[in-house]
Structure formats: structure tokens, C-alpha cells
């Protein structure tokens, strides 16, 4: 996985997501064909996908336009089903380290949007979030 700071394109082993991508275009890509629609409400549509080994993602479209992408890197404990707050903090540390190696030091704000590494205490999950400005 790579995030291009100049364009906002997220490249995976089996395809890429671009800020200008709409829902129609996504659905005909390899990533789109293998995704699962996990939620639809009003103008929002969420799709879960596994873009490459070790990465899980959720892509959100609003009104058919790419809005944001949530990404989570796998941890060894994921295979055993072991979950704990400690593991999620370790996942966040892994995300932070990867982002620093890819994009340098935060903040990660660009003309096309922003990239964040978040730990959600309510959902007890850590994710990399790519938000596209419209």
C-alpha cells in the first residue's frame, strides 16, 4: 500500500483509489468487484474490501463521490480473534510508524484532503483515515 501525497491516490497491490473516483468507476475495478456493500443510508454508501494481504478497508461514497477511506493493518492477534485495547493501541502505533515512513511527520494535510491515524475509544478500533475534500 502507498499513499501519494501529491495526488491523494492510494495504490494497492490489486488496484488503486483516486480522489476523483466515483461509485460507478469504483464498482468496475478489481477492488470494487471484490468489495461488499456494508451500509447504505440516504446518499451514503459504505463498502468493505481487502485490497491486499494484511490490509482491511472501508470506502465511503457520498452522493456517488468518494468521500473517505478507512484502512487498518493486520496484527498477529487478529488471526486468533484476540482483541484488547492494548492491541488496538499497538495497531495505532504501527499505523503511525508506517505513515511517518511514507509521508514524513504529521500533520498530513494536502490540497486534496488529509490523512489521519486515529484510535476510536468508543468503537475500540485504530484506523488510518484518508479524507478527500470536496
C-alpha atoms as a PDB file:
ATOM      1  CA  UNK A   1       0.000   0.000   0.000  1.00  0.00           C
ATOM      2  CA  UNK A   2       1.183   3.505  -0.829  1.00  0.00           C
ATOM      3  CA  UNK A   3      -0.412   6.927  -0.437  1.00  0.00           C
ATOM      4  CA  UNK A   4       0.750   9.521  -2.958  1.00  0.00           C
ATOM      5  CA  UNK A   5       0.934  12.850  -1.105  1.00  0.00           C
ATOM      6  CA  UNK A   6       0.886  14.806  -4.383  1.00  0.00           C
ATOM      7  CA  UNK A   7      -2.313  13.293  -5.779  1.00  0.00           C
ATOM      8  CA  UNK A   8      -4.091  11.519  -2.903  1.00  0.00           C
ATOM      9  CA  UNK A   9      -4.099   8.242  -4.831  1.00  0.00           C
ATOM     10  CA  UNK A  10      -3.919   5.134  -2.665  1.00  0.00           C
ATOM     11  CA  UNK A  11      -2.181   2.329  -4.538  1.00  0.00           C
ATOM     12  CA  UNK A  12      -2.646  -1.295  -3.523  1.00  0.00           C
ATOM     13  CA  UNK A  13      -1.274  -4.495  -4.991  1.00  0.00           C
ATOM     14  CA  UNK A  14      -4.516  -5.122  -6.924  1.00  0.00           C
ATOM     15  CA  UNK A  15      -5.560  -1.602  -7.875  1.00  0.00           C
ATOM     16  CA  UNK A  16      -5.824   1.963  -6.699  1.00  0.00           C
ATOM     17  CA  UNK A  17      -8.267   4.563  -5.412  1.00  0.00           C
ATOM     18  CA  UNK A  18      -8.113   8.114  -6.727  1.00  0.00           C
ATOM     19  CA  UNK A  19      -9.739  11.215  -5.207  1.00  0.00           C
ATOM     20  CA  UNK A  20     -11.798  11.765  -8.377  1.00  0.00           C
ATOM     21  CA  UNK A  21     -13.154   8.212  -8.366  1.00  0.00           C
ATOM     22  CA  UNK A  22     -16.928   7.943  -8.360  1.00  0.00           C
ATOM     23  CA  UNK A  23     -19.026   4.965  -7.283  1.00  0.00           C
ATOM     24  CA  UNK A  24     -19.638   3.758 -10.852  1.00  0.00           C
ATOM     25  CA  UNK A  25     -15.943   3.705 -11.642  1.00  0.00           C
ATOM     26  CA  UNK A  26     -15.099   2.005  -8.335  1.00  0.00           C
ATOM     27  CA  UNK A  27     -17.630  -0.796  -8.903  1.00  0.00           C
ATOM     28  CA  UNK A  28     -15.993  -1.857 -12.197  1.00  0.00           C
ATOM     29  CA  UNK A  29     -12.472  -2.056 -10.740  1.00  0.00           C
ATOM     30  CA  UNK A  30     -10.989  -5.233  -9.275  1.00  0.00           C
ATOM     31  CA  UNK A  31     -11.232  -3.632  -5.813  1.00  0.00           C
ATOM     32  CA  UNK A  32     -14.865  -2.693  -6.389  1.00  0.00           C
ATOM     33  CA  UNK A  33     -15.893  -6.088  -7.723  1.00  0.00           C
ATOM     34  CA  UNK A  34     -14.443  -7.808  -4.656  1.00  0.00           C
ATOM     35  CA  UNK A  35     -15.955  -5.323  -2.170  1.00  0.00           C
ATOM     36  CA  UNK A  36     -19.109  -5.850  -0.114  1.00  0.00           C
ATOM     37  CA  UNK A  37     -21.734  -3.162   0.352  1.00  0.00           C
ATOM     38  CA  UNK A  38     -21.927  -2.982   4.139  1.00  0.00           C
ATOM     39  CA  UNK A  39     -24.213   0.014   4.608  1.00  0.00           C
ATOM     40  CA  UNK A  40     -26.443   2.316   2.577  1.00  0.00           C
ATOM     41  CA  UNK A  41     -28.360   5.250   4.018  1.00  0.00           C
ATOM     42  CA  UNK A  42     -29.649   8.202   2.022  1.00  0.00           C
ATOM     43  CA  UNK A  43     -26.712   9.413  -0.068  1.00  0.00           C
ATOM     44  CA  UNK A  44     -24.081   7.399   1.851  1.00  0.00           C
ATOM     45  CA  UNK A  45     -22.765   4.020   0.713  1.00  0.00           C
ATOM     46  CA  UNK A  46     -20.079   2.051   2.567  1.00  0.00           C
ATOM     47  CA  UNK A  47     -18.119  -0.846   1.081  1.00  0.00           C
ATOM     48  CA  UNK A  48     -15.754  -3.183   2.874  1.00  0.00           C
ATOM     49  CA  UNK A  49     -12.794  -4.519   0.937  1.00  0.00           C
ATOM     50  CA  UNK A  50      -9.476  -6.279   1.435  1.00  0.00           C
ATOM     51  CA  UNK A  51      -7.171  -4.501  -1.015  1.00  0.00           C
ATOM     52  CA  UNK A  52      -4.136  -6.656  -0.271  1.00  0.00           C
ATOM     53  CA  UNK A  53      -2.974  -9.169   2.333  1.00  0.00           C
ATOM     54  CA  UNK A  54      -2.699  -7.596   5.765  1.00  0.00           C
ATOM     55  CA  UNK A  55      -4.921  -4.595   4.991  1.00  0.00           C
ATOM     56  CA  UNK A  56      -8.657  -4.225   5.615  1.00  0.00           C
ATOM     57  CA  UNK A  57     -10.567  -1.231   4.332  1.00  0.00           C
ATOM     58  CA  UNK A  58     -13.861   0.562   4.237  1.00  0.00           C
ATOM     59  CA  UNK A  59     -14.585   3.061   1.485  1.00  0.00           C
ATOM     60  CA  UNK A  60     -17.357   5.661   1.811  1.00  0.00           C
ATOM     61  CA  UNK A  61     -19.147   7.398  -1.032  1.00  0.00           C
ATOM     62  CA  UNK A  62     -21.466  10.349  -0.502  1.00  0.00           C
ATOM     63  CA  UNK A  63     -23.785  11.028  -3.401  1.00  0.00           C
ATOM     64  CA  UNK A  64     -21.707   8.674  -5.542  1.00  0.00           C
ATOM     65  CA  UNK A  65     -18.492  10.635  -4.879  1.00  0.00           C
ATOM     66  CA  UNK A  66     -15.519   9.209  -2.964  1.00  0.00           C
ATOM     67  CA  UNK A  67     -15.507  10.839   0.464  1.00  0.00           C
ATOM     68  CA  UNK A  68     -13.085   8.850   2.633  1.00  0.00           C
ATOM     69  CA  UNK A  69     -11.249   5.591   3.101  1.00  0.00           C
ATOM     70  CA  UNK A  70     -10.610   3.774   6.388  1.00  0.00           C
ATOM     71  CA  UNK A  71      -7.659   1.369   6.464  1.00  0.00           C
ATOM     72  CA  UNK A  72      -6.418  -0.996   9.160  1.00  0.00           C
ATOM     73  CA  UNK A  73      -3.251  -3.033   9.153  1.00  0.00           C
ATOM     74  CA  UNK A  74      -3.457  -6.585  10.426  1.00  0.00           C
ATOM     75  CA  UNK A  75      -1.951  -7.574  13.752  1.00  0.00           C
ATOM     76  CA  UNK A  76      -0.796 -11.106  14.648  1.00  0.00           C
ATOM     77  CA  UNK A  77      -3.586 -11.369  17.224  1.00  0.00           C
ATOM     78  CA  UNK A  78      -6.254 -10.813  14.520  1.00  0.00           C
ATOM     79  CA  UNK A  79      -5.944 -14.450  13.379  1.00  0.00           C
ATOM     80  CA  UNK A  80      -6.662 -15.799  16.849  1.00  0.00           C
ATOM     81  CA  UNK A  81      -9.572 -13.434  17.438  1.00  0.00           C
ATOM     82  CA  UNK A  82      -7.795 -11.955  20.446  1.00  0.00           C
ATOM     83  CA  UNK A  83      -8.821  -8.363  20.909  1.00  0.00           C
ATOM     84  CA  UNK A  84      -7.863  -5.870  23.575  1.00  0.00           C
ATOM     85  CA  UNK A  85      -7.448  -2.161  23.945  1.00  0.00           C
ATOM     86  CA  UNK A  86      -3.696  -2.782  24.180  1.00  0.00           C
ATOM     87  CA  UNK A  87      -3.729  -4.483  20.759  1.00  0.00           C
ATOM     88  CA  UNK A  88      -5.595  -1.537  19.228  1.00  0.00           C
ATOM     89  CA  UNK A  89      -3.052   0.897  20.667  1.00  0.00           C
ATOM     90  CA  UNK A  90      -0.299  -1.266  19.167  1.00  0.00           C
ATOM     91  CA  UNK A  91      -2.137  -1.154  15.836  1.00  0.00           C
ATOM     92  CA  UNK A  92      -2.241   2.650  16.060  1.00  0.00           C
ATOM     93  CA  UNK A  93       1.500   2.712  16.757  1.00  0.00           C
ATOM     94  CA  UNK A  94       2.025   0.535  13.685  1.00  0.00           C
ATOM     95  CA  UNK A  95      -0.105   2.899  11.578  1.00  0.00           C
ATOM     96  CA  UNK A  96       1.758   5.946  12.925  1.00  0.00           C
ATOM     97  CA  UNK A  97       5.135   4.391  12.155  1.00  0.00           C
ATOM     98  CA  UNK A  98       4.061   3.437   8.637  1.00  0.00           C
ATOM     99  CA  UNK A  99       2.671   6.926   7.948  1.00  0.00           C
ATOM    100  CA  UNK A 100       5.915   8.557   9.139  1.00  0.00           C
ATOM    101  CA  UNK A 101       7.926   6.306   6.818  1.00  0.00           C
ATOM    102  CA  UNK A 102       5.566   7.026   3.883  1.00  0.00           C
ATOM    103  CA  UNK A 103       4.651  10.688   4.395  1.00  0.00           C
ATOM    104  CA  UNK A 104       7.082  12.112   6.970  1.00  0.00           C
ATOM    105  CA  UNK A 105       5.979  13.762  10.179  1.00  0.00           C
ATOM    106  CA  UNK A 106       2.357  14.847  10.705  1.00  0.00           C
ATOM    107  CA  UNK A 107       0.209  16.768  10.112  1.00  0.00           C
ATOM    108  CA  UNK A 108      -0.727  15.186   6.794  1.00  0.00           C
ATOM    109  CA  UNK A 109      -2.731  17.967   5.116  1.00  0.00           C
ATOM    110  CA  UNK A 110      -2.757  18.370   1.355  1.00  0.00           C
ATOM    111  CA  UNK A 111      -4.681  20.337  -1.305  1.00  0.00           C
ATOM    112  CA  UNK A 112      -6.791  17.201  -1.990  1.00  0.00           C
ATOM    113  CA  UNK A 113      -7.542  16.383   1.691  1.00  0.00           C
ATOM    114  CA  UNK A 114      -5.866  14.856   4.728  1.00  0.00           C
ATOM    115  CA  UNK A 115      -4.596  11.614   6.240  1.00  0.00           C
ATOM    116  CA  UNK A 116      -5.075  10.801   9.921  1.00  0.00           C
ATOM    117  CA  UNK A 117      -4.242   7.972  12.276  1.00  0.00           C
ATOM    118  CA  UNK A 118      -6.976   7.591  14.863  1.00  0.00           C
ATOM    119  CA  UNK A 119      -7.844   5.431  17.824  1.00  0.00           C
ATOM    120  CA  UNK A 120     -11.596   5.456  18.431  1.00  0.00           C
ATOM    121  CA  UNK A 121     -12.183   4.698  22.111  1.00  0.00           C
ATOM    122  CA  UNK A 122     -15.940   4.222  21.595  1.00  0.00           C
ATOM    123  CA  UNK A 123     -15.513   1.764  18.733  1.00  0.00           C
ATOM    124  CA  UNK A 124     -12.255   0.402  20.188  1.00  0.00           C
ATOM    125  CA  UNK A 125     -10.558   0.454  16.799  1.00  0.00           C
ATOM    126  CA  UNK A 126      -7.496   2.050  15.231  1.00  0.00           C
ATOM    127  CA  UNK A 127      -7.524   3.132  11.598  1.00  0.00           C
ATOM    128  CA  UNK A 128      -5.756   5.238   9.029  1.00  0.00           C
ATOM    129  CA  UNK A 129      -8.339   7.634   7.599  1.00  0.00           C
ATOM    130  CA  UNK A 130      -7.911   9.320   4.213  1.00  0.00           C
ATOM    131  CA  UNK A 131     -10.424  12.181   3.843  1.00  0.00           C
ATOM    132  CA  UNK A 132     -10.960  13.833   0.476  1.00  0.00           C
ATOM    133  CA  UNK A 133     -12.028  17.485   0.398  1.00  0.00           C
ATOM    134  CA  UNK A 134     -14.820  18.461  -1.966  1.00  0.00           C
END
